[in-house]
Amino acid sequence: MPTRILLVDDHAIIRQGLSSLLEKQPDIEVVGSVEDGRQAVDTVRKIVPDLVIMDISMPNLNGIDAARKIVEEISNVKIIALSIHSSRRFVAEMLKAGASGYILKDCLFGELMEAIKTVLGGGIYLSPKIASVVIDDYVQRLSKQYQPNGPTLSDREREVLQLLAEGKSTKQIALQIHVSSKTIESNRRNIMDKLKINSVAELTKYAIREGITPLEQ
């Protein structure tokens, strides 16, 4: 049986390029290609791939929160992050969310294949360019049950925050995540109270700074 892979990236050319390269491998089948984290979660629920290769900075739902949702629901699906971000914070948060691999977008295809082999074999793969910088910090934070600085938002609050920062109205958000407008208003008040922020503009800055939403939309 070939390894069934789902590709998730908001740039179509990256998905197309990866798909073309992966489909040439004898034991790999690309079973899906979607453009954001929300579509990734929905698609994983439907087709349950063996592996998800996923960007971090995406609209609607970022890769960190999407990975967390996927792992919580279907724990045997492996996730590799493919990102431009090399900072410790992004790597640590993605691994905490449940990803088993993290590689940079400037890597060669051979490195991606090595990551796939390692992750499917039950290991964790970090790009050599970031491993030496990240691993000590990650182990220390994990051993101390590291929590992000500042207030902790719930998964739903992070989801609503991302959509607010991306310019969605209360009604649009309510329709998208299937709750009432009153619920979204309540979520927004809670987010602002927790973060001590009084405007959507400041919420947007916070969401970008924390990697909850991409800088470019």
C-alpha atoms as a PDB file:
ATOM      1  CA  MET A   1       0.000   0.000   0.000  1.00  0.00           C
ATOM      2  CA  PRO A   2       1.401   3.424  -0.925  1.00  0.00           C
ATOM      3  CA  THR A   3       1.752   6.168   1.664  1.00  0.00           C
ATOM      4  CA  ARG A   4      -1.264   8.464   1.286  1.00  0.00           C
ATOM      5  CA  ILE A   5      -0.315  12.148   1.611  1.00  0.00           C
ATOM      6  CA  LEU A   6      -2.398  15.314   1.955  1.00  0.00           C
ATOM      7  CA  LEU A   7      -0.737  18.620   0.944  1.00  0.00           C
ATOM      8  CA  VAL A   8      -1.765  21.853   2.688  1.00  0.00           C
ATOM      9  CA  ASP A   9      -0.424  25.239   1.582  1.00  0.00           C
ATOM     10  CA  ASP A  10      -2.049  28.524   0.604  1.00  0.00           C
ATOM     11  CA  HIS A  11       0.209  28.830  -2.453  1.00  0.00           C
ATOM     12  CA  ALA A  12      -1.066  26.706  -5.342  1.00  0.00           C
ATOM     13  CA  ILE A  13       2.312  26.588  -7.072  1.00  0.00           C
ATOM     14  CA  ILE A  14       3.909  24.961  -4.019  1.00  0.00           C
ATOM     15  CA  ARG A  15       1.156  22.355  -3.798  1.00  0.00           C
ATOM     16  CA  GLN A  16       1.446  21.630  -7.516  1.00  0.00           C
ATOM     17  CA  GLY A  17       5.212  21.364  -7.387  1.00  0.00           C
ATOM     18  CA  LEU A  18       5.220  19.068  -4.373  1.00  0.00           C
ATOM     19  CA  SER A  19       2.481  16.928  -5.832  1.00  0.00           C
ATOM     20  CA  SER A  20       4.403  16.505  -9.086  1.00  0.00           C
ATOM     21  CA  LEU A  21       7.581  15.462  -7.267  1.00  0.00           C
ATOM     22  CA  LEU A  22       5.872  13.157  -4.788  1.00  0.00           C
ATOM     23  CA  GLU A  23       3.750  11.380  -7.387  1.00  0.00           C
ATOM     24  CA  LYS A  24       6.966  10.263  -9.115  1.00  0.00           C
ATOM     25  CA  GLN A  25       7.881   8.240  -6.031  1.00  0.00           C
ATOM     26  CA  PRO A  26       6.829   4.588  -6.313  1.00  0.00           C
ATOM     27  CA  ASP A  27       5.364   4.240  -2.812  1.00  0.00           C
ATOM     28  CA  ILE A  28       3.568   7.582  -2.463  1.00  0.00           C
ATOM     29  CA  GLU A  29       0.085   8.714  -3.466  1.00  0.00           C
ATOM     30  CA  VAL A  30      -1.032  12.343  -3.111  1.00  0.00           C
ATOM     31  CA  VAL A  31      -4.678  11.975  -2.088  1.00  0.00           C
ATOM     32  CA  GLY A  32      -5.535  15.651  -1.606  1.00  0.00           C
ATOM     33  CA  SER A  33      -4.372  19.236  -1.923  1.00  0.00           C
ATOM     34  CA  VAL A  34      -6.004  22.098   0.017  1.00  0.00           C
ATOM     35  CA  GLU A  35      -5.201  25.730   0.756  1.00  0.00           C
ATOM     36  CA  ASP A  36      -5.825  26.319   4.450  1.00  0.00           C
ATOM     37  CA  GLY A  37      -5.969  24.667   7.842  1.00  0.00           C
ATOM     38  CA  ARG A  38      -9.741  24.476   8.020  1.00  0.00           C
ATOM     39  CA  GLN A  39      -9.911  22.570   4.745  1.00  0.00           C
ATOM     40  CA  ALA A  40      -7.105  20.348   6.007  1.00  0.00           C
ATOM     41  CA  VAL A  41      -9.055  19.358   9.128  1.00  0.00           C
ATOM     42  CA  ASP A  42     -12.214  18.654   7.100  1.00  0.00           C
ATOM     43  CA  THR A  43     -10.293  16.642   4.499  1.00  0.00           C
ATOM     44  CA  VAL A  44      -8.451  14.556   7.093  1.00  0.00           C
ATOM     45  CA  ARG A  45     -11.798  13.678   8.670  1.00  0.00           C
ATOM     46  CA  LYS A  46     -13.079  12.444   5.298  1.00  0.00           C
ATOM     47  CA  ILE A  47     -10.110  10.569   3.836  1.00  0.00           C
ATOM     48  CA  VAL A  48      -7.754   9.911   6.808  1.00  0.00           C
ATOM     49  CA  PRO A  49      -4.386  10.122   5.018  1.00  0.00           C
ATOM     50  CA  ASP A  50      -1.227   8.602   6.452  1.00  0.00           C
ATOM     51  CA  LEU A  51       0.633  11.910   6.400  1.00  0.00           C
ATOM     52  CA  VAL A  52      -0.141  15.629   6.157  1.00  0.00           C
ATOM     53  CA  ILE A  53       2.528  18.008   4.839  1.00  0.00           C
ATOM     54  CA  MET A  54       1.390  21.427   5.986  1.00  0.00           C
ATOM     55  CA  ASP A  55       2.405  25.079   5.959  1.00  0.00           C
ATOM     56  CA  ILE A  56       2.054  27.134   9.154  1.00  0.00           C
ATOM     57  CA  SER A  57       1.022  30.612   7.956  1.00  0.00           C
ATOM     58  CA  MET A  58      -2.333  30.184   6.215  1.00  0.00           C
ATOM     59  CA  PRO A  59      -5.667  32.044   6.201  1.00  0.00           C
ATOM     60  CA  ASN A  60      -8.843  30.859   7.975  1.00  0.00           C
ATOM     61  CA  LEU A  61      -6.971  28.435  10.251  1.00  0.00           C
ATOM     62  CA  ASN A  62      -3.195  28.353  10.685  1.00  0.00           C
ATOM     63  CA  GLY A  63      -1.116  25.191  10.607  1.00  0.00           C
ATOM     64  CA  ILE A  64      -0.459  25.077  14.354  1.00  0.00           C
ATOM     65  CA  ASP A  65      -4.133  25.079  15.313  1.00  0.00           C
ATOM     66  CA  ALA A  66      -5.030  22.790  12.405  1.00  0.00           C
ATOM     67  CA  ALA A  67      -2.386  20.279  13.526  1.00  0.00           C
ATOM     68  CA  ARG A  68      -3.758  20.369  17.072  1.00  0.00           C
ATOM     69  CA  LYS A  69      -7.299  19.653  15.846  1.00  0.00           C
ATOM     70  CA  ILE A  70      -6.143  16.822  13.570  1.00  0.00           C
ATOM     71  CA  VAL A  71      -4.063  15.078  16.244  1.00  0.00           C
ATOM     72  CA  GLU A  72      -6.839  15.403  18.835  1.00  0.00           C
ATOM     73  CA  GLU A  73      -9.351  13.739  16.509  1.00  0.00           C
ATOM     74  CA  ILE A  74      -7.217  11.247  14.569  1.00  0.00           C
ATOM     75  CA  SER A  75      -4.013  10.580  16.469  1.00  0.00           C
ATOM     76  CA  ASN A  76      -2.475   8.137  13.981  1.00  0.00           C
ATOM     77  CA  VAL A  77      -2.203  10.759  11.199  1.00  0.00           C
ATOM     78  CA  LYS A  78       1.371  12.037  10.981  1.00  0.00           C
ATOM     79  CA  ILE A  79       2.107  15.718  10.309  1.00  0.00           C
ATOM     80  CA  ILE A  80       5.177  17.403   8.834  1.00  0.00           C
ATOM     81  CA  ALA A  81       5.382  21.195   8.909  1.00  0.00           C
ATOM     82  CA  LEU A  82       6.862  22.792   5.791  1.00  0.00           C
ATOM     83  CA  SER A  83       7.477  26.452   6.573  1.00  0.00           C
ATOM     84  CA  ILE A  84       9.555  29.561   5.951  1.00  0.00           C
ATOM     85  CA  HIS A  85       9.699  30.180   9.710  1.00  0.00           C
ATOM     86  CA  SER A  86      12.825  29.014  11.527  1.00  0.00           C
ATOM     87  CA  SER A  87      12.299  30.639  14.943  1.00  0.00           C
ATOM     88  CA  ARG A  88      12.181  28.494  18.080  1.00  0.00           C
ATOM     89  CA  ARG A  89       8.688  29.672  18.920  1.00  0.00           C
ATOM     90  CA  PHE A  90       7.124  28.414  15.686  1.00  0.00           C
ATOM     91  CA  VAL A  91       8.934  25.075  15.844  1.00  0.00           C
ATOM     92  CA  ALA A  92       8.112  24.488  19.517  1.00  0.00           C
ATOM     93  CA  GLU A  93       4.445  25.378  19.053  1.00  0.00           C
ATOM     94  CA  MET A  94       4.116  23.130  15.985  1.00  0.00           C
ATOM     95  CA  LEU A  95       5.715  20.177  17.744  1.00  0.00           C
ATOM     96  CA  LYS A  96       3.568  20.754  20.826  1.00  0.00           C
ATOM     97  CA  ALA A  97       0.517  20.757  18.553  1.00  0.00           C
ATOM     98  CA  GLY A  98       1.434  17.227  17.460  1.00  0.00           C
ATOM     99  CA  ALA A  99       3.624  17.538  14.365  1.00  0.00           C
ATOM    100  CA  SER A 100       6.325  14.888  14.016  1.00  0.00           C
ATOM    101  CA  GLY A 101       8.497  16.827  11.585  1.00  0.00           C
ATOM    102  CA  TYR A 102       9.512  20.382  10.766  1.00  0.00           C
ATOM    103  CA  ILE A 103      11.451  21.371   7.644  1.00  0.00           C
ATOM    104  CA  LEU A 104      12.104  24.648   5.872  1.00  0.00           C
ATOM    105  CA  LYS A 105      10.783  25.553   2.446  1.00  0.00           C
ATOM    106  CA  ASP A 106      14.255  26.157   1.067  1.00  0.00           C
ATOM    107  CA  CYS A 107      15.195  22.498   1.609  1.00  0.00           C
ATOM    108  CA  LEU A 108      15.982  20.091  -1.198  1.00  0.00           C
ATOM    109  CA  PHE A 109      13.450  17.433  -2.147  1.00  0.00           C
ATOM    110  CA  GLY A 110      15.761  14.750  -0.784  1.00  0.00           C
ATOM    111  CA  GLU A 111      15.420  16.253   2.683  1.00  0.00           C
ATOM    112  CA  LEU A 112      11.640  16.120   2.455  1.00  0.00           C
ATOM    113  CA  MET A 113      11.841  12.439   1.535  1.00  0.00           C
ATOM    114  CA  GLU A 114      14.150  11.821   4.494  1.00  0.00           C
ATOM    115  CA  ALA A 115      11.648  13.608   6.756  1.00  0.00           C
ATOM    116  CA  ILE A 116       8.791  11.493   5.408  1.00  0.00           C
ATOM    117  CA  LYS A 117      10.751   8.271   5.964  1.00  0.00           C
ATOM    118  CA  THR A 118      11.713   9.288   9.520  1.00  0.00           C
ATOM    119  CA  VAL A 119       8.228  10.385  10.547  1.00  0.00           C
ATOM    120  CA  LEU A 120       6.479   7.345   9.091  1.00  0.00           C
ATOM    121  CA  GLY A 121       9.015   5.216  10.954  1.00  0.00           C
ATOM    122  CA  GLY A 122       7.882   6.726  14.232  1.00  0.00           C
ATOM    123  CA  GLY A 123      10.637   9.304  14.641  1.00  0.00           C
ATOM    124  CA  ILE A 124      10.775  13.092  14.787  1.00  0.00           C
ATOM    125  CA  TYR A 125      12.531  14.993  12.017  1.00  0.00           C
ATOM    126  CA  LEU A 126      13.875  18.531  12.296  1.00  0.00           C
ATOM    127  CA  SER A 127      15.594  20.293   9.418  1.00  0.00           C
ATOM    128  CA  PRO A 128      19.369  20.347  10.061  1.00  0.00           C
ATOM    129  CA  LYS A 129      19.286  24.126   9.569  1.00  0.00           C
ATOM    130  CA  ILE A 130      17.179  24.572  12.687  1.00  0.00           C
ATOM    131  CA  ALA A 131      17.762  21.430  14.751  1.00  0.00           C
ATOM    132  CA  SER A 132      20.887  22.666  16.506  1.00  0.00           C
ATOM    133  CA  VAL A 133      19.180  25.924  17.456  1.00  0.00           C
ATOM    134  CA  VAL A 134      15.873  24.413  18.467  1.00  0.00           C
ATOM    135  CA  ILE A 135      16.385  21.060  20.139  1.00  0.00           C
ATOM    136  CA  ASP A 136      17.926  22.183  23.445  1.00  0.00           C
ATOM    137  CA  ASP A 137      15.357  24.922  23.884  1.00  0.00           C
ATOM    138  CA  TYR A 138      12.484  22.593  23.012  1.00  0.00           C
ATOM    139  CA  VAL A 139      13.578  19.862  25.431  1.00  0.00           C
ATOM    140  CA  GLN A 140      13.959  22.394  28.250  1.00  0.00           C
ATOM    141  CA  ARG A 141      10.553  23.912  27.604  1.00  0.00           C
ATOM    142  CA  LEU A 142       8.891  20.500  27.326  1.00  0.00           C
ATOM    143  CA  SER A 143      10.452  19.289  30.570  1.00  0.00           C
ATOM    144  CA  LYS A 144       9.185  22.371  32.372  1.00  0.00           C
ATOM    145  CA  GLN A 145       5.726  21.957  30.825  1.00  0.00           C
ATOM    146  CA  TYR A 146       6.298  25.194  28.959  1.00  0.00           C
ATOM    147  CA  GLN A 147       3.340  27.506  28.549  1.00  0.00           C
ATOM    148  CA  PRO A 148       3.378  30.496  26.154  1.00  0.00           C
ATOM    149  CA  ASN A 149       3.972  33.898  27.711  1.00  0.00           C
ATOM    150  CA  GLY A 150       0.857  35.882  28.519  1.00  0.00           C
ATOM    151  CA  PRO A 151      -2.745  34.722  28.750  1.00  0.00           C
ATOM    152  CA  THR A 152      -3.814  31.405  27.266  1.00  0.00           C
ATOM    153  CA  LEU A 153      -6.621  31.472  24.710  1.00  0.00           C
ATOM    154  CA  SER A 154      -8.822  28.451  24.142  1.00  0.00           C
ATOM    155  CA  ASP A 155      -8.802  26.700  20.760  1.00  0.00           C
ATOM    156  CA  ARG A 156     -12.110  28.355  19.864  1.00  0.00           C
ATOM    157  CA  GLU A 157     -10.821  31.787  20.927  1.00  0.00           C
ATOM    158  CA  ARG A 158      -7.702  31.347  18.787  1.00  0.00           C
ATOM    159  CA  GLU A 159      -9.908  30.334  15.870  1.00  0.00           C
ATOM    160  CA  VAL A 160     -12.159  33.380  16.296  1.00  0.00           C
ATOM    161  CA  LEU A 161      -9.144  35.652  16.762  1.00  0.00           C
ATOM    162  CA  GLN A 162      -7.627  34.507  13.482  1.00  0.00           C
ATOM    163  CA  LEU A 163     -10.850  35.133  11.589  1.00  0.00           C
ATOM    164  CA  LEU A 164     -11.316  38.551  13.213  1.00  0.00           C
ATOM    165  CA  ALA A 165      -7.754  39.494  12.317  1.00  0.00           C
ATOM    166  CA  GLU A 166      -8.422  38.446   8.732  1.00  0.00           C
ATOM    167  CA  GLY A 167     -11.265  40.946   8.480  1.00  0.00           C
ATOM    168  CA  LYS A 168     -14.235  38.604   8.831  1.00  0.00           C
ATOM    169  CA  SER A 169     -17.426  40.085  10.293  1.00  0.00           C
ATOM    170  CA  THR A 170     -19.207  38.590  13.293  1.00  0.00           C
ATOM    171  CA  LYS A 171     -21.888  37.151  11.014  1.00  0.00           C
ATOM    172  CA  GLN A 172     -19.330  35.664   8.613  1.00  0.00           C
ATOM    173  CA  ILE A 173     -17.436  34.000  11.456  1.00  0.00           C
ATOM    174  CA  ALA A 174     -20.642  32.637  12.968  1.00  0.00           C
ATOM    175  CA  LEU A 175     -21.623  31.099   9.636  1.00  0.00           C
ATOM    176  CA  GLN A 176     -18.177  29.671   9.037  1.00  0.00           C
ATOM    177  CA  ILE A 177     -17.831  27.868  12.356  1.00  0.00           C
ATOM    178  CA  HIS A 178     -21.548  27.113  12.770  1.00  0.00           C
ATOM    179  CA  VAL A 179     -22.395  29.051  15.929  1.00  0.00           C
ATOM    180  CA  SER A 180     -24.563  32.080  16.683  1.00  0.00           C
ATOM    181  CA  SER A 181     -23.472  35.689  16.266  1.00  0.00           C
ATOM    182  CA  LYS A 182     -24.026  36.162  20.016  1.00  0.00           C
ATOM    183  CA  THR A 183     -21.503  33.404  20.693  1.00  0.00           C
ATOM    184  CA  ILE A 184     -18.917  35.125  18.501  1.00  0.00           C
ATOM    185  CA  GLU A 185     -19.543  38.453  20.229  1.00  0.00           C
ATOM    186  CA  SER A 186     -18.994  36.710  23.561  1.00  0.00           C
ATOM    187  CA  ASN A 187     -15.792  35.095  22.253  1.00  0.00           C
ATOM    188  CA  ARG A 188     -14.517  38.475  21.079  1.00  0.00           C
ATOM    189  CA  ARG A 189     -15.193  40.096  24.463  1.00  0.00           C
ATOM    190  CA  ASN A 190     -13.418  37.254  26.247  1.00  0.00           C
ATOM    191  CA  ILE A 191     -10.423  37.519  23.916  1.00  0.00           C
ATOM    192  CA  MET A 192     -10.147  41.271  24.432  1.00  0.00           C
ATOM    193  CA  ASP A 193     -10.516  40.909  28.189  1.00  0.00           C
ATOM    194  CA  LYS A 194      -7.838  38.214  28.382  1.00  0.00           C
ATOM    195  CA  LEU A 195      -5.402  40.115  26.176  1.00  0.00           C
ATOM    196  CA  LYS A 196      -6.313  43.540  27.588  1.00  0.00           C
ATOM    197  CA  ILE A 197      -6.814  44.778  24.020  1.00  0.00           C
ATOM    198  CA  ASN A 198      -9.558  47.212  23.064  1.00  0.00           C
ATOM    199  CA  SER A 199      -9.551  47.287  19.259  1.00  0.00           C
ATOM    200  CA  VAL A 200      -9.613  44.898  16.302  1.00  0.00           C
ATOM    201  CA  ALA A 201      -6.493  46.619  14.941  1.00  0.00           C
ATOM    202  CA  GLU A 202      -4.546  45.672  18.057  1.00  0.00           C
ATOM    203  CA  LEU A 203      -6.007  42.165  17.941  1.00  0.00           C
ATOM    204  CA  THR A 204      -4.724  41.876  14.380  1.00  0.00           C
ATOM    205  CA  LYS A 205      -1.226  42.946  15.423  1.00  0.00           C
ATOM    206  CA  TYR A 206      -1.277  40.407  18.245  1.00  0.00           C
ATOM    207  CA  ALA A 207      -2.458  37.610  15.925  1.00  0.00           C
ATOM    208  CA  ILE A 208       0.334  38.333  13.430  1.00  0.00           C
ATOM    209  CA  ARG A 209       2.992  38.606  16.135  1.00  0.00           C
ATOM    210  CA  GLU A 210       1.957  35.291  17.687  1.00  0.00           C
ATOM    211  CA  GLY A 211       1.756  33.486  14.342  1.00  0.00           C
ATOM    212  CA  ILE A 212      -1.999  32.920  14.633  1.00  0.00           C
ATOM    213  CA  THR A 213      -2.615  34.560  11.263  1.00  0.00           C
ATOM    214  CA  PRO A 214      -0.223  35.181   8.340  1.00  0.00           C
ATOM    215  CA  LEU A 215       1.188  38.646   7.685  1.00  0.00           C
ATOM    216  CA  GLU A 216       0.099  38.443   4.047  1.00  0.00           C
ATOM    217  CA  GLN A 217      -3.524  37.586   3.280  1.00  0.00           C
END
